[in-house]
Amino acid sequence: MVLLVAAVAALLIAGLLYQLIRWALGRVGAAMAHRRERFALGVLATAMAIFWVGQRSTATFPKTPAFSPPVTQTYVRQVRLMATTLGGSAALREAPP
């Protein structure tokens, strides 16, 4: 049952991502038909390229941006705790007197 829910959730997420990317690329394609919007996209693309070259050519900026350490282990631990809780009760030791 859990596997089925996970599979359905994965398919829904993939479908939503597909729709979002398709919409975004459609917007860019539509913008290319208009002179002012095409110019704005060109300016933004040029600025991004200049920033990228600047980051790669100076020591002021790190070559690789710093990211927080992955939290996958924390998520896995939480899933284990949830599965243990939902999986049924475990036998408890007798309480001390």
C-alpha atoms as a PDB file:
ATOM      1  CA  MET A   1       0.000   0.000   0.000  1.00  0.00           C
ATOM      2  CA  VAL A   2       2.783   2.411   0.954  1.00  0.00           C
ATOM      3  CA  LEU A   3       4.654   1.547  -2.233  1.00  0.00           C
ATOM      4  CA  LEU A   4       1.570   2.294  -4.319  1.00  0.00           C
ATOM      5  CA  VAL A   5       1.086   5.679  -2.643  1.00  0.00           C
ATOM      6  CA  ALA A   6       4.770   6.488  -3.160  1.00  0.00           C
ATOM      7  CA  ALA A   7       4.544   5.520  -6.837  1.00  0.00           C
ATOM      8  CA  VAL A   8       1.437   7.649  -7.376  1.00  0.00           C
ATOM      9  CA  ALA A   9       3.081  10.591  -5.576  1.00  0.00           C
ATOM     10  CA  ALA A  10       6.211  10.231  -7.725  1.00  0.00           C
ATOM     11  CA  LEU A  11       4.109  10.211 -10.892  1.00  0.00           C
ATOM     12  CA  LEU A  12       2.158  13.272  -9.764  1.00  0.00           C
ATOM     13  CA  ILE A  13       5.351  15.160  -8.951  1.00  0.00           C
ATOM     14  CA  ALA A  14       6.873  14.206 -12.311  1.00  0.00           C
ATOM     15  CA  GLY A  15       3.712  15.319 -14.103  1.00  0.00           C
ATOM     16  CA  LEU A  16       3.610  18.636 -12.257  1.00  0.00           C
ATOM     17  CA  LEU A  17       7.286  19.284 -13.003  1.00  0.00           C
ATOM     18  CA  TYR A  18       6.677  18.504 -16.676  1.00  0.00           C
ATOM     19  CA  GLN A  19       3.750  20.932 -16.804  1.00  0.00           C
ATOM     20  CA  LEU A  20       5.756  23.651 -15.030  1.00  0.00           C
ATOM     21  CA  ILE A  21       8.748  23.318 -17.353  1.00  0.00           C
ATOM     22  CA  ARG A  22       6.488  23.178 -20.410  1.00  0.00           C
ATOM     23  CA  TRP A  23       4.709  26.351 -19.271  1.00  0.00           C
ATOM     24  CA  ALA A  24       8.035  28.137 -18.613  1.00  0.00           C
ATOM     25  CA  LEU A  25       9.466  27.198 -22.002  1.00  0.00           C
ATOM     26  CA  GLY A  26       6.210  28.245 -23.639  1.00  0.00           C
ATOM     27  CA  ARG A  27       6.504  31.658 -21.997  1.00  0.00           C
ATOM     28  CA  VAL A  28      10.066  32.031 -23.265  1.00  0.00           C
ATOM     29  CA  GLY A  29       8.961  30.947 -26.741  1.00  0.00           C
ATOM     30  CA  ALA A  30       6.110  33.456 -26.719  1.00  0.00           C
ATOM     31  CA  ALA A  31       8.464  36.198 -25.515  1.00  0.00           C
ATOM     32  CA  MET A  32      10.764  35.573 -28.486  1.00  0.00           C
ATOM     33  CA  ALA A  33       7.976  36.748 -30.808  1.00  0.00           C
ATOM     34  CA  HIS A  34       7.998  40.266 -29.312  1.00  0.00           C
ATOM     35  CA  ARG A  35      10.915  42.633 -29.853  1.00  0.00           C
ATOM     36  CA  ARG A  36      10.981  44.236 -26.375  1.00  0.00           C
ATOM     37  CA  GLU A  37      10.633  40.948 -24.509  1.00  0.00           C
ATOM     38  CA  ARG A  38      13.300  39.339 -26.698  1.00  0.00           C
ATOM     39  CA  PHE A  39      15.615  42.268 -25.881  1.00  0.00           C
ATOM     40  CA  ALA A  40      14.929  41.901 -22.129  1.00  0.00           C
ATOM     41  CA  LEU A  41      15.700  38.172 -22.279  1.00  0.00           C
ATOM     42  CA  GLY A  42      18.926  38.936 -24.148  1.00  0.00           C
ATOM     43  CA  VAL A  43      19.964  41.490 -21.516  1.00  0.00           C
ATOM     44  CA  LEU A  44      19.255  39.028 -18.694  1.00  0.00           C
ATOM     45  CA  ALA A  45      21.148  36.238 -20.454  1.00  0.00           C
ATOM     46  CA  THR A  46      24.114  38.554 -21.082  1.00  0.00           C
ATOM     47  CA  ALA A  47      24.145  39.681 -17.450  1.00  0.00           C
ATOM     48  CA  MET A  48      24.117  36.076 -16.251  1.00  0.00           C
ATOM     49  CA  ALA A  49      27.007  35.234 -18.592  1.00  0.00           C
ATOM     50  CA  ILE A  50      29.009  38.218 -17.324  1.00  0.00           C
ATOM     51  CA  PHE A  51      28.380  37.235 -13.702  1.00  0.00           C
ATOM     52  CA  TRP A  52      29.459  33.666 -14.466  1.00  0.00           C
ATOM     53  CA  VAL A  53      32.694  34.814 -16.142  1.00  0.00           C
ATOM     54  CA  GLY A  54      33.326  37.212 -13.254  1.00  0.00           C
ATOM     55  CA  GLN A  55      32.849  34.450 -10.711  1.00  0.00           C
ATOM     56  CA  ARG A  56      35.242  32.165 -12.572  1.00  0.00           C
ATOM     57  CA  SER A  57      37.938  34.802 -13.141  1.00  0.00           C
ATOM     58  CA  THR A  58      38.300  36.382  -9.678  1.00  0.00           C
ATOM     59  CA  ALA A  59      39.206  34.970  -6.300  1.00  0.00           C
ATOM     60  CA  THR A  60      36.591  37.168  -4.572  1.00  0.00           C
ATOM     61  CA  PHE A  61      33.817  34.666  -5.250  1.00  0.00           C
ATOM     62  CA  PRO A  62      34.157  30.972  -4.516  1.00  0.00           C
ATOM     63  CA  LYS A  63      34.422  28.728  -7.583  1.00  0.00           C
ATOM     64  CA  THR A  64      31.664  26.537  -6.208  1.00  0.00           C
ATOM     65  CA  PRO A  65      28.901  28.166  -4.154  1.00  0.00           C
ATOM     66  CA  ALA A  66      28.596  26.800  -0.647  1.00  0.00           C
ATOM     67  CA  PHE A  67      25.529  24.709   0.068  1.00  0.00           C
ATOM     68  CA  SER A  68      24.293  23.302   3.309  1.00  0.00           C
ATOM     69  CA  PRO A  69      25.226  19.686   3.960  1.00  0.00           C
ATOM     70  CA  PRO A  70      22.695  17.131   2.726  1.00  0.00           C
ATOM     71  CA  VAL A  71      19.922  16.284   5.122  1.00  0.00           C
ATOM     72  CA  THR A  72      19.074  12.965   3.542  1.00  0.00           C
ATOM     73  CA  GLN A  73      20.125  11.059   6.660  1.00  0.00           C
ATOM     74  CA  THR A  74      17.733  13.102   8.768  1.00  0.00           C
ATOM     75  CA  TYR A  75      14.872  12.415   6.358  1.00  0.00           C
ATOM     76  CA  VAL A  76      15.666   8.694   6.328  1.00  0.00           C
ATOM     77  CA  ARG A  77      15.677   8.640  10.137  1.00  0.00           C
ATOM     78  CA  GLN A  78      12.314  10.403  10.277  1.00  0.00           C
ATOM     79  CA  VAL A  79      10.818   7.955   7.766  1.00  0.00           C
ATOM     80  CA  ARG A  80      12.107   5.041   9.860  1.00  0.00           C
ATOM     81  CA  LEU A  81      10.569   6.528  13.000  1.00  0.00           C
ATOM     82  CA  MET A  82       7.267   7.066  11.225  1.00  0.00           C
ATOM     83  CA  ALA A  83       7.292   3.547   9.780  1.00  0.00           C
ATOM     84  CA  THR A  84       8.019   2.100  13.213  1.00  0.00           C
ATOM     85  CA  THR A  85       5.184   4.106  14.727  1.00  0.00           C
ATOM     86  CA  LEU A  86       2.690   3.184  12.027  1.00  0.00           C
ATOM     87  CA  GLY A  87       3.887  -0.407  11.807  1.00  0.00           C
ATOM     88  CA  GLY A  88       2.330  -1.455  15.064  1.00  0.00           C
ATOM     89  CA  SER A  89       3.255  -1.497  18.703  1.00  0.00           C
ATOM     90  CA  ALA A  90       6.430  -3.112  19.910  1.00  0.00           C
ATOM     91  CA  ALA A  91       6.459  -5.087  23.130  1.00  0.00           C
ATOM     92  CA  LEU A  92       7.500  -2.876  26.035  1.00  0.00           C
ATOM     93  CA  ARG A  93       9.530  -4.000  28.982  1.00  0.00           C
ATOM     94  CA  GLU A  94       7.817  -4.196  32.315  1.00  0.00           C
ATOM     95  CA  ALA A  95       7.871  -0.900  34.215  1.00  0.00           C
ATOM     96  CA  PRO A  96      10.157  -0.786  37.261  1.00  0.00           C
ATOM     97  CA  PRO A  97       8.402  -0.848  40.646  1.00  0.00           C
END
